[in-house]
Amino acid sequence: MQMIGGNGGNQFRQYAGQNARNSSGYNDDIGNQTQLLITQKEEAGIQLQAEEYDLMAVAADLDEIEEVNANCTLIANLQQASSLGTQTDSTPVYDTDESAE
């Protein structure tokens, strides 16, 4: 990932993290709704249809997407943390012979 200088890079990482968290919340809601529907039908003795098995597979896929999103956020945070000490705005320090250190 290319690091973009200035505040724009920080904003990009912030929005990327927010988007990852927001999609995770959305995925949780869909997965919970699907599981609730399946549980209600099973309790009522209604046989599950093929489409509902597909929904169960989608719910499992959503769990995997959440894990990937979490890993991407972790990687972005690690990259940001590793680059924090590499940028300086300080002026050079001069020795007594006026050579920069």
PDB file of N, CA and C in Angstrom:
ATOM      1  N   MET A   1       0.848  -1.174   0.000  1.00  0.00           N
ATOM      2  CA  MET A   1       0.000   0.000   0.000  1.00  0.00           C
ATOM      3  C   MET A   1       0.888   1.229   0.000  1.00  0.00           C
ATOM      4  N   GLN A   2       0.606   2.152  -0.867  1.00  0.00           N
ATOM      5  CA  GLN A   2       1.400   3.375  -0.939  1.00  0.00           C
ATOM      6  C   GLN A   2       0.905   4.337   0.125  1.00  0.00           C
ATOM      7  N   MET A   3       1.845   4.875   0.883  1.00  0.00           N
ATOM      8  CA  MET A   3       1.490   5.836   1.918  1.00  0.00           C
ATOM      9  C   MET A   3       1.405   7.209   1.275  1.00  0.00           C
ATOM     10  N   ILE A   4       0.319   7.888   1.508  1.00  0.00           N
ATOM     11  CA  ILE A   4       0.115   9.219   0.954  1.00  0.00           C
ATOM     12  C   ILE A   4       0.434  10.217   2.037  1.00  0.00           C
ATOM     13  N   GLY A   5       1.272  11.189   1.714  1.00  0.00           N
ATOM     14  CA  GLY A   5       1.688  12.164   2.714  1.00  0.00           C
ATOM     15  C   GLY A   5       0.577  13.131   3.056  1.00  0.00           C
ATOM     16  N   GLY A   6       0.789  13.848   4.111  1.00  0.00           N
ATOM     17  CA  GLY A   6      -0.168  14.869   4.523  1.00  0.00           C
ATOM     18  C   GLY A   6      -1.358  14.288   5.248  1.00  0.00           C
ATOM     19  N   ASN A   7      -2.305  15.149   5.523  1.00  0.00           N
ATOM     20  CA  ASN A   7      -3.482  14.743   6.275  1.00  0.00           C
ATOM     21  C   ASN A   7      -4.430  13.900   5.438  1.00  0.00           C
ATOM     22  N   GLY A   8      -4.364  14.022   4.116  1.00  0.00           N
ATOM     23  CA  GLY A   8      -5.244  13.234   3.259  1.00  0.00           C
ATOM     24  C   GLY A   8      -5.067  11.748   3.464  1.00  0.00           C
ATOM     25  N   GLY A   9      -3.838  11.303   3.661  1.00  0.00           N
ATOM     26  CA  GLY A   9      -3.592   9.887   3.911  1.00  0.00           C
ATOM     27  C   GLY A   9      -4.232   9.427   5.199  1.00  0.00           C
ATOM     28  N   ASN A  10      -4.165  10.267   6.224  1.00  0.00           N
ATOM     29  CA  ASN A  10      -4.797   9.922   7.495  1.00  0.00           C
ATOM     30  C   ASN A  10      -6.306   9.833   7.336  1.00  0.00           C
ATOM     31  N   GLN A  11      -6.886  10.764   6.582  1.00  0.00           N
ATOM     32  CA  GLN A  11      -8.330  10.731   6.374  1.00  0.00           C
ATOM     33  C   GLN A  11      -8.725   9.485   5.605  1.00  0.00           C
ATOM     34  N   PHE A  12      -7.924   9.100   4.605  1.00  0.00           N
ATOM     35  CA  PHE A  12      -8.240   7.900   3.846  1.00  0.00           C
ATOM     36  C   PHE A  12      -8.279   6.679   4.757  1.00  0.00           C
ATOM     37  N   ARG A  13      -7.248   6.537   5.612  1.00  0.00           N
ATOM     38  CA  ARG A  13      -7.215   5.392   6.523  1.00  0.00           C
ATOM     39  C   ARG A  13      -8.387   5.439   7.490  1.00  0.00           C
ATOM     40  N   GLN A  14      -8.744   6.643   7.945  1.00  0.00           N
ATOM     41  CA  GLN A  14      -9.864   6.772   8.875  1.00  0.00           C
ATOM     42  C   GLN A  14     -11.153   6.314   8.204  1.00  0.00           C
ATOM     43  N   TYR A  15     -11.401   6.783   6.970  1.00  0.00           N
ATOM     44  CA  TYR A  15     -12.632   6.405   6.286  1.00  0.00           C
ATOM     45  C   TYR A  15     -12.629   4.925   5.931  1.00  0.00           C
ATOM     46  N   ALA A  16     -11.472   4.397   5.547  1.00  0.00           N
ATOM     47  CA  ALA A  16     -11.397   2.977   5.221  1.00  0.00           C
ATOM     48  C   ALA A  16     -11.741   2.141   6.449  1.00  0.00           C
ATOM     49  N   GLY A  17     -11.226   2.551   7.605  1.00  0.00           N
ATOM     50  CA  GLY A  17     -11.547   1.832   8.837  1.00  0.00           C
ATOM     51  C   GLY A  17     -13.014   1.939   9.186  1.00  0.00           C
ATOM     52  N   GLN A  18     -13.602   3.124   9.006  1.00  0.00           N
ATOM     53  CA  GLN A  18     -15.023   3.299   9.289  1.00  0.00           C
ATOM     54  C   GLN A  18     -15.858   2.440   8.352  1.00  0.00           C
ATOM     55  N   ASN A  19     -15.505   2.404   7.083  1.00  0.00           N
ATOM     56  CA  ASN A  19     -16.256   1.597   6.133  1.00  0.00           C
ATOM     57  C   ASN A  19     -16.182   0.121   6.493  1.00  0.00           C
ATOM     58  N   ALA A  20     -15.015  -0.337   6.893  1.00  0.00           N
ATOM     59  CA  ALA A  20     -14.878  -1.744   7.280  1.00  0.00           C
ATOM     60  C   ALA A  20     -15.753  -2.049   8.485  1.00  0.00           C
ATOM     61  N   ARG A  21     -15.756  -1.155   9.475  1.00  0.00           N
ATOM     62  CA  ARG A  21     -16.590  -1.382  10.656  1.00  0.00           C
ATOM     63  C   ARG A  21     -18.071  -1.302  10.311  1.00  0.00           C
ATOM     64  N   ASN A  22     -18.465  -0.364   9.462  1.00  0.00           N
ATOM     65  CA  ASN A  22     -19.868  -0.229   9.096  1.00  0.00           C
ATOM     66  C   ASN A  22     -20.363  -1.453   8.352  1.00  0.00           C
ATOM     67  N   SER A  23     -19.582  -1.982   7.421  1.00  0.00           N
ATOM     68  CA  SER A  23     -20.018  -3.161   6.691  1.00  0.00           C
ATOM     69  C   SER A  23     -20.093  -4.361   7.617  1.00  0.00           C
ATOM     70  N   SER A  24     -19.227  -4.412   8.615  1.00  0.00           N
ATOM     71  CA  SER A  24     -19.295  -5.512   9.572  1.00  0.00           C
ATOM     72  C   SER A  24     -20.606  -5.462  10.337  1.00  0.00           C
ATOM     73  N   GLY A  25     -21.027  -4.279  10.751  1.00  0.00           N
ATOM     74  CA  GLY A  25     -22.305  -4.142  11.451  1.00  0.00           C
ATOM     75  C   GLY A  25     -23.461  -4.544  10.568  1.00  0.00           C
ATOM     76  N   TYR A  26     -23.429  -4.148   9.305  1.00  0.00           N
ATOM     77  CA  TYR A  26     -24.473  -4.528   8.351  1.00  0.00           C
ATOM     78  C   TYR A  26     -24.482  -6.036   8.175  1.00  0.00           C
ATOM     79  N   ASN A  27     -23.309  -6.632   8.027  1.00  0.00           N
ATOM     80  CA  ASN A  27     -23.213  -8.076   7.856  1.00  0.00           C
ATOM     81  C   ASN A  27     -23.759  -8.806   9.073  1.00  0.00           C
ATOM     82  N   ASP A  28     -23.485  -8.298  10.262  1.00  0.00           N
ATOM     83  CA  ASP A  28     -24.021  -8.905  11.480  1.00  0.00           C
ATOM     84  C   ASP A  28     -25.537  -8.902  11.457  1.00  0.00           C
ATOM     85  N   ASP A  29     -26.135  -7.778  11.060  1.00  0.00           N
ATOM     86  CA  ASP A  29     -27.594  -7.674  11.019  1.00  0.00           C
ATOM     87  C   ASP A  29     -28.194  -8.691  10.060  1.00  0.00           C
ATOM     88  N   ILE A  30     -27.627  -8.804   8.857  1.00  0.00           N
ATOM     89  CA  ILE A  30     -28.137  -9.750   7.864  1.00  0.00           C
ATOM     90  C   ILE A  30     -27.992 -11.181   8.375  1.00  0.00           C
ATOM     91  N   GLY A  31     -26.827 -11.497   8.927  1.00  0.00           N
ATOM     92  CA  GLY A  31     -26.609 -12.842   9.452  1.00  0.00           C
ATOM     93  C   GLY A  31     -27.560 -13.175  10.585  1.00  0.00           C
ATOM     94  N   ASN A  32     -27.808 -12.222  11.477  1.00  0.00           N
ATOM     95  CA  ASN A  32     -28.729 -12.448  12.590  1.00  0.00           C
ATOM     96  C   ASN A  32     -30.155 -12.643  12.094  1.00  0.00           C
ATOM     97  N   GLN A  33     -30.579 -11.854  11.115  1.00  0.00           N
ATOM     98  CA  GLN A  33     -31.928 -11.992  10.564  1.00  0.00           C
ATOM     99  C   GLN A  33     -32.099 -13.350   9.900  1.00  0.00           C
ATOM    100  N   THR A  34     -31.097 -13.774   9.164  1.00  0.00           N
ATOM    101  CA  THR A  34     -31.159 -15.073   8.491  1.00  0.00           C
ATOM    102  C   THR A  34     -31.249 -16.195   9.513  1.00  0.00           C
ATOM    103  N   GLN A  35     -30.414 -16.146  10.535  1.00  0.00           N
ATOM    104  CA  GLN A  35     -30.425 -17.196  11.548  1.00  0.00           C
ATOM    105  C   GLN A  35     -31.745 -17.216  12.301  1.00  0.00           C
ATOM    106  N   LEU A  36     -32.321 -16.052  12.578  1.00  0.00           N
ATOM    107  CA  LEU A  36     -33.610 -15.977  13.270  1.00  0.00           C
ATOM    108  C   LEU A  36     -34.697 -16.623  12.433  1.00  0.00           C
ATOM    109  N   LEU A  37     -34.742 -16.341  11.142  1.00  0.00           N
ATOM    110  CA  LEU A  37     -35.741 -16.923  10.246  1.00  0.00           C
ATOM    111  C   LEU A  37     -35.611 -18.440  10.215  1.00  0.00           C
ATOM    112  N   ILE A  38     -34.405 -18.940  10.100  1.00  0.00           N
ATOM    113  CA  ILE A  38     -34.177 -20.387  10.045  1.00  0.00           C
ATOM    114  C   ILE A  38     -34.609 -21.043  11.351  1.00  0.00           C
ATOM    115  N   THR A  39     -34.243 -20.441  12.470  1.00  0.00           N
ATOM    116  CA  THR A  39     -34.604 -20.991  13.778  1.00  0.00           C
ATOM    117  C   THR A  39     -36.116 -21.021  13.955  1.00  0.00           C
ATOM    118  N   GLN A  40     -36.802 -19.952  13.568  1.00  0.00           N
ATOM    119  CA  GLN A  40     -38.259 -19.898  13.702  1.00  0.00           C
ATOM    120  C   GLN A  40     -38.919 -20.999  12.880  1.00  0.00           C
ATOM    121  N   LYS A  41     -38.455 -21.221  11.672  1.00  0.00           N
ATOM    122  CA  LYS A  41     -39.050 -22.259  10.827  1.00  0.00           C
ATOM    123  C   LYS A  41     -38.762 -23.654  11.379  1.00  0.00           C
ATOM    124  N   GLU A  42     -37.556 -23.857  11.874  1.00  0.00           N
ATOM    125  CA  GLU A  42     -37.229 -25.168  12.441  1.00  0.00           C
ATOM    126  C   GLU A  42     -38.105 -25.455  13.654  1.00  0.00           C
ATOM    127  N   GLU A  43     -38.323 -24.438  14.495  1.00  0.00           N
ATOM    128  CA  GLU A  43     -39.155 -24.616  15.682  1.00  0.00           C
ATOM    129  C   GLU A  43     -40.602 -24.895  15.299  1.00  0.00           C
ATOM    130  N   ALA A  44     -41.066 -24.339  14.191  1.00  0.00           N
ATOM    131  CA  ALA A  44     -42.439 -24.555  13.739  1.00  0.00           C
ATOM    132  C   ALA A  44     -42.569 -25.850  12.946  1.00  0.00           C
ATOM    133  N   GLY A  45     -41.473 -26.549  12.734  1.00  0.00           N
ATOM    134  CA  GLY A  45     -41.510 -27.812  12.004  1.00  0.00           C
ATOM    135  C   GLY A  45     -41.628 -27.628  10.504  1.00  0.00           C
ATOM    136  N   ILE A  46     -41.276 -26.468   9.993  1.00  0.00           N
ATOM    137  CA  ILE A  46     -41.349 -26.208   8.559  1.00  0.00           C
ATOM    138  C   ILE A  46     -40.013 -26.590   7.933  1.00  0.00           C
ATOM    139  N   GLN A  47     -40.102 -27.364   6.845  1.00  0.00           N
ATOM    140  CA  GLN A  47     -38.874 -27.803   6.178  1.00  0.00           C
ATOM    141  C   GLN A  47     -38.199 -26.614   5.497  1.00  0.00           C
ATOM    142  N   LEU A  48     -36.894 -26.589   5.592  1.00  0.00           N
ATOM    143  CA  LEU A  48     -36.136 -25.518   4.957  1.00  0.00           C
ATOM    144  C   LEU A  48     -36.079 -25.730   3.447  1.00  0.00           C
ATOM    145  N   GLN A  49     -36.208 -24.654   2.714  1.00  0.00           N
ATOM    146  CA  GLN A  49     -36.139 -24.693   1.258  1.00  0.00           C
ATOM    147  C   GLN A  49     -34.685 -24.492   0.813  1.00  0.00           C
ATOM    148  N   ALA A  50     -34.420 -24.806  -0.435  1.00  0.00           N
ATOM    149  CA  ALA A  50     -33.066 -24.673  -0.979  1.00  0.00           C
ATOM    150  C   ALA A  50     -32.565 -23.240  -0.862  1.00  0.00           C
ATOM    151  N   GLU A  51     -33.467 -22.259  -1.063  1.00  0.00           N
ATOM    152  CA  GLU A  51     -33.067 -20.860  -0.968  1.00  0.00           C
ATOM    153  C   GLU A  51     -32.576 -20.522   0.439  1.00  0.00           C
ATOM    154  N   GLU A  52     -33.191 -21.149   1.421  1.00  0.00           N
ATOM    155  CA  GLU A  52     -32.786 -20.878   2.801  1.00  0.00           C
ATOM    156  C   GLU A  52     -31.423 -21.492   3.108  1.00  0.00           C
ATOM    157  N   TYR A  53     -31.134 -22.641   2.507  1.00  0.00           N
ATOM    158  CA  TYR A  53     -29.792 -23.196   2.655  1.00  0.00           C
ATOM    159  C   TYR A  53     -28.769 -22.272   1.994  1.00  0.00           C
ATOM    160  N   ASP A  54     -29.180 -21.670   0.866  1.00  0.00           N
ATOM    161  CA  ASP A  54     -28.308 -20.689   0.220  1.00  0.00           C
ATOM    162  C   ASP A  54     -28.060 -19.509   1.150  1.00  0.00           C
ATOM    163  N   LEU A  55     -29.105 -19.072   1.868  1.00  0.00           N
ATOM    164  CA  LEU A  55     -28.943 -17.971   2.817  1.00  0.00           C
ATOM    165  C   LEU A  55     -27.972 -18.346   3.930  1.00  0.00           C
ATOM    166  N   MET A  56     -28.033 -19.612   4.352  1.00  0.00           N
ATOM    167  CA  MET A  56     -27.099 -20.059   5.384  1.00  0.00           C
ATOM    168  C   MET A  56     -25.663 -19.982   4.856  1.00  0.00           C
ATOM    169  N   ALA A  57     -25.471 -20.337   3.592  1.00  0.00           N
ATOM    170  CA  ALA A  57     -24.137 -20.263   2.995  1.00  0.00           C
ATOM    171  C   ALA A  57     -23.682 -18.811   2.895  1.00  0.00           C
ATOM    172  N   VAL A  58     -24.613 -17.915   2.553  1.00  0.00           N
ATOM    173  CA  VAL A  58     -24.281 -16.492   2.467  1.00  0.00           C
ATOM    174  C   VAL A  58     -23.887 -15.966   3.840  1.00  0.00           C
ATOM    175  N   ALA A  59     -24.603 -16.398   4.881  1.00  0.00           N
ATOM    176  CA  ALA A  59     -24.267 -15.958   6.237  1.00  0.00           C
ATOM    177  C   ALA A  59     -22.851 -16.398   6.605  1.00  0.00           C
ATOM    178  N   ALA A  60     -22.478 -17.612   6.205  1.00  0.00           N
ATOM    179  CA  ALA A  60     -21.114 -18.086   6.465  1.00  0.00           C
ATOM    180  C   ALA A  60     -20.103 -17.249   5.686  1.00  0.00           C
ATOM    181  N   ASP A  61     -20.463 -16.882   4.446  1.00  0.00           N
ATOM    182  CA  ASP A  61     -19.578 -16.021   3.650  1.00  0.00           C
ATOM    183  C   ASP A  61     -19.415 -14.656   4.305  1.00  0.00           C
ATOM    184  N   LEU A  62     -20.495 -14.129   4.885  1.00  0.00           N
ATOM    185  CA  LEU A  62     -20.420 -12.828   5.556  1.00  0.00           C
ATOM    186  C   LEU A  62     -19.458 -12.881   6.739  1.00  0.00           C
ATOM    187  N   ASP A  63     -19.463 -13.997   7.450  1.00  0.00           N
ATOM    188  CA  ASP A  63     -18.511 -14.148   8.556  1.00  0.00           C
ATOM    189  C   ASP A  63     -17.073 -14.077   8.043  1.00  0.00           C
ATOM    190  N   GLU A  64     -16.840 -14.719   6.903  1.00  0.00           N
ATOM    191  CA  GLU A  64     -15.489 -14.690   6.329  1.00  0.00           C
ATOM    192  C   GLU A  64     -15.116 -13.277   5.877  1.00  0.00           C
ATOM    193  N   ILE A  65     -16.083 -12.556   5.302  1.00  0.00           N
ATOM    194  CA  ILE A  65     -15.837 -11.174   4.874  1.00  0.00           C
ATOM    195  C   ILE A  65     -15.486 -10.306   6.073  1.00  0.00           C
ATOM    196  N   GLU A  66     -16.193 -10.500   7.182  1.00  0.00           N
ATOM    197  CA  GLU A  66     -15.892  -9.731   8.394  1.00  0.00           C
ATOM    198  C   GLU A  66     -14.463  -9.986   8.859  1.00  0.00           C
ATOM    199  N   GLU A  67     -14.043 -11.241   8.784  1.00  0.00           N
ATOM    200  CA  GLU A  67     -12.679 -11.578   9.202  1.00  0.00           C
ATOM    201  C   GLU A  67     -11.651 -10.914   8.287  1.00  0.00           C
ATOM    202  N   VAL A  68     -11.920 -10.928   6.982  1.00  0.00           N
ATOM    203  CA  VAL A  68     -11.010 -10.278   6.032  1.00  0.00           C
ATOM    204  C   VAL A  68     -10.967  -8.774   6.299  1.00  0.00           C
ATOM    205  N   ASN A  69     -12.138  -8.159   6.541  1.00  0.00           N
ATOM    206  CA  ASN A  69     -12.180  -6.723   6.846  1.00  0.00           C
ATOM    207  C   ASN A  69     -11.358  -6.408   8.091  1.00  0.00           C
ATOM    208  N   ALA A  70     -11.491  -7.244   9.113  1.00  0.00           N
ATOM    209  CA  ALA A  70     -10.733  -7.021  10.347  1.00  0.00           C
ATOM    210  C   ALA A  70      -9.234  -7.133  10.079  1.00  0.00           C
ATOM    211  N   ASN A  71      -8.840  -8.108   9.258  1.00  0.00           N
ATOM    212  CA  ASN A  71      -7.419  -8.265   8.930  1.00  0.00           C
ATOM    213  C   ASN A  71      -6.898  -7.074   8.134  1.00  0.00           C
ATOM    214  N   CYS A  72      -7.709  -6.562   7.200  1.00  0.00           N
ATOM    215  CA  CYS A  72      -7.289  -5.391   6.413  1.00  0.00           C
ATOM    216  C   CYS A  72      -7.119  -4.173   7.307  1.00  0.00           C
ATOM    217  N   THR A  73      -8.035  -3.999   8.244  1.00  0.00           N
ATOM    218  CA  THR A  73      -7.939  -2.879   9.179  1.00  0.00           C
ATOM    219  C   THR A  73      -6.690  -3.019  10.033  1.00  0.00           C
ATOM    220  N   LEU A  74      -6.412  -4.234  10.494  1.00  0.00           N
ATOM    221  CA  LEU A  74      -5.222  -4.480  11.300  1.00  0.00           C
ATOM    222  C   LEU A  74      -3.957  -4.160  10.508  1.00  0.00           C
ATOM    223  N   ILE A  75      -3.901  -4.609   9.269  1.00  0.00           N
ATOM    224  CA  ILE A  75      -2.723  -4.347   8.432  1.00  0.00           C
ATOM    225  C   ILE A  75      -2.543  -2.848   8.217  1.00  0.00           C
ATOM    226  N   ALA A  76      -3.639  -2.139   7.931  1.00  0.00           N
ATOM    227  CA  ALA A  76      -3.551  -0.687   7.725  1.00  0.00           C
ATOM    228  C   ALA A  76      -3.054   0.005   8.984  1.00  0.00           C
ATOM    229  N   ASN A  77      -3.550  -0.432  10.143  1.00  0.00           N
ATOM    230  CA  ASN A  77      -3.108   0.167  11.410  1.00  0.00           C
ATOM    231  C   ASN A  77      -1.635  -0.116  11.674  1.00  0.00           C
ATOM    232  N   LEU A  78      -1.194  -1.329  11.370  1.00  0.00           N
ATOM    233  CA  LEU A  78       0.217  -1.669  11.565  1.00  0.00           C
ATOM    234  C   LEU A  78       1.111  -0.857  10.633  1.00  0.00           C
ATOM    235  N   GLN A  79       0.671  -0.686   9.385  1.00  0.00           N
ATOM    236  CA  GLN A  79       1.461   0.112   8.446  1.00  0.00           C
ATOM    237  C   GLN A  79       1.533   1.565   8.892  1.00  0.00           C
ATOM    238  N   GLN A  80       0.422   2.076   9.383  1.00  0.00           N
ATOM    239  CA  GLN A  80       0.414   3.460   9.857  1.00  0.00           C
ATOM    240  C   GLN A  80       1.335   3.602  11.064  1.00  0.00           C
ATOM    241  N   ALA A  81       1.254   2.662  11.989  1.00  0.00           N
ATOM    242  CA  ALA A  81       2.082   2.731  13.193  1.00  0.00           C
ATOM    243  C   ALA A  81       3.565   2.610  12.847  1.00  0.00           C
ATOM    244  N   SER A  82       3.884   1.782  11.860  1.00  0.00           N
ATOM    245  CA  SER A  82       5.295   1.603  11.515  1.00  0.00           C
ATOM    246  C   SER A  82       5.871   2.818  10.800  1.00  0.00           C
ATOM    247  N   SER A  83       5.022   3.654  10.219  1.00  0.00           N
ATOM    248  CA  SER A  83       5.530   4.825   9.500  1.00  0.00           C
ATOM    249  C   SER A  83       5.506   6.089  10.353  1.00  0.00           C
ATOM    250  N   LEU A  84       4.955   6.017  11.547  1.00  0.00           N
ATOM    251  CA  LEU A  84       4.844   7.216  12.381  1.00  0.00           C
ATOM    252  C   LEU A  84       6.203   7.802  12.735  1.00  0.00           C
ATOM    253  N   GLY A  85       7.188   6.976  13.013  1.00  0.00           N
ATOM    254  CA  GLY A  85       8.491   7.475  13.427  1.00  0.00           C
ATOM    255  C   GLY A  85       9.397   7.869  12.278  1.00  0.00           C
ATOM    256  N   THR A  86       8.941   7.710  11.037  1.00  0.00           N
ATOM    257  CA  THR A  86       9.818   7.983   9.898  1.00  0.00           C
ATOM    258  C   THR A  86       9.662   9.380   9.331  1.00  0.00           C
ATOM    259  N   GLN A  87       8.667  10.118   9.759  1.00  0.00           N
ATOM    260  CA  GLN A  87       8.436  11.454   9.218  1.00  0.00           C
ATOM    261  C   GLN A  87       8.778  12.491  10.278  1.00  0.00           C
ATOM    262  N   THR A  88       9.653  13.430   9.916  1.00  0.00           N
ATOM    263  CA  THR A  88      10.010  14.487  10.862  1.00  0.00           C
ATOM    264  C   THR A  88       9.966  15.826  10.164  1.00  0.00           C
ATOM    265  N   ASP A  89       9.611  16.838  10.907  1.00  0.00           N
ATOM    266  CA  ASP A  89       9.602  18.203  10.401  1.00  0.00           C
ATOM    267  C   ASP A  89      10.647  19.050  11.116  1.00  0.00           C
ATOM    268  N   SER A  90      11.529  18.411  11.874  1.00  0.00           N
ATOM    269  CA  SER A  90      12.484  19.171  12.678  1.00  0.00           C
ATOM    270  C   SER A  90      13.641  19.664  11.811  1.00  0.00           C
ATOM    271  N   THR A  91      14.222  20.746  12.237  1.00  0.00           N
ATOM    272  CA  THR A  91      15.380  21.294  11.533  1.00  0.00           C
ATOM    273  C   THR A  91      16.616  20.510  11.934  1.00  0.00           C
ATOM    274  N   PRO A  92      17.614  20.443  11.057  1.00  0.00           N
ATOM    275  CA  PRO A  92      18.822  19.685  11.405  1.00  0.00           C
ATOM    276  C   PRO A  92      19.565  20.324  12.580  1.00  0.00           C
ATOM    277  N   VAL A  93      20.209  19.480  13.345  1.00  0.00           N
ATOM    278  CA  VAL A  93      21.019  19.940  14.476  1.00  0.00           C
ATOM    279  C   VAL A  93      22.455  20.067  13.982  1.00  0.00           C
ATOM    280  N   TYR A  94      23.083  21.197  14.254  1.00  0.00           N
ATOM    281  CA  TYR A  94      24.448  21.440  13.784  1.00  0.00           C
ATOM    282  C   TYR A  94      25.444  21.256  14.919  1.00  0.00           C
ATOM    283  N   ASP A  95      26.549  20.632  14.580  1.00  0.00           N
ATOM    284  CA  ASP A  95      27.646  20.468  15.523  1.00  0.00           C
ATOM    285  C   ASP A  95      28.425  21.792  15.580  1.00  0.00           C
ATOM    286  N   THR A  96      29.424  21.861  16.437  1.00  0.00           N
ATOM    287  CA  THR A  96      30.191  23.100  16.592  1.00  0.00           C
ATOM    288  C   THR A  96      30.926  23.503  15.324  1.00  0.00           C
ATOM    289  N   ASP A  97      31.212  22.522  14.451  1.00  0.00           N
ATOM    290  CA  ASP A  97      31.881  22.879  13.197  1.00  0.00           C
ATOM    291  C   ASP A  97      30.870  23.173  12.081  1.00  0.00           C
ATOM    292  N   GLU A  98      29.597  23.346  12.463  1.00  0.00           N
ATOM    293  CA  GLU A  98      28.486  23.695  11.580  1.00  0.00           C
ATOM    294  C   GLU A  98      28.147  22.610  10.565  1.00  0.00           C
ATOM    295  N   SER A  99      28.512  21.364  10.849  1.00  0.00           N
ATOM    296  CA  SER A  99      28.083  20.266   9.993  1.00  0.00           C
ATOM    297  C   SER A  99      26.807  19.676  10.599  1.00  0.00           C
ATOM    298  N   ALA A 100      25.894  19.326   9.732  1.00  0.00           N
ATOM    299  CA  ALA A 100      24.610  18.796  10.213  1.00  0.00           C
ATOM    300  C   ALA A 100      24.798  17.390  10.753  1.00  0.00           C
ATOM    301  N   GLU A 101      24.064  17.073  11.798  1.00  0.00           N
ATOM    302  CA  GLU A 101      24.087  15.719  12.366  1.00  0.00           C
ATOM    303  C   GLU A 101      22.836  14.989  11.960  1.00  0.00           C
TER     304      GLU A 101
END
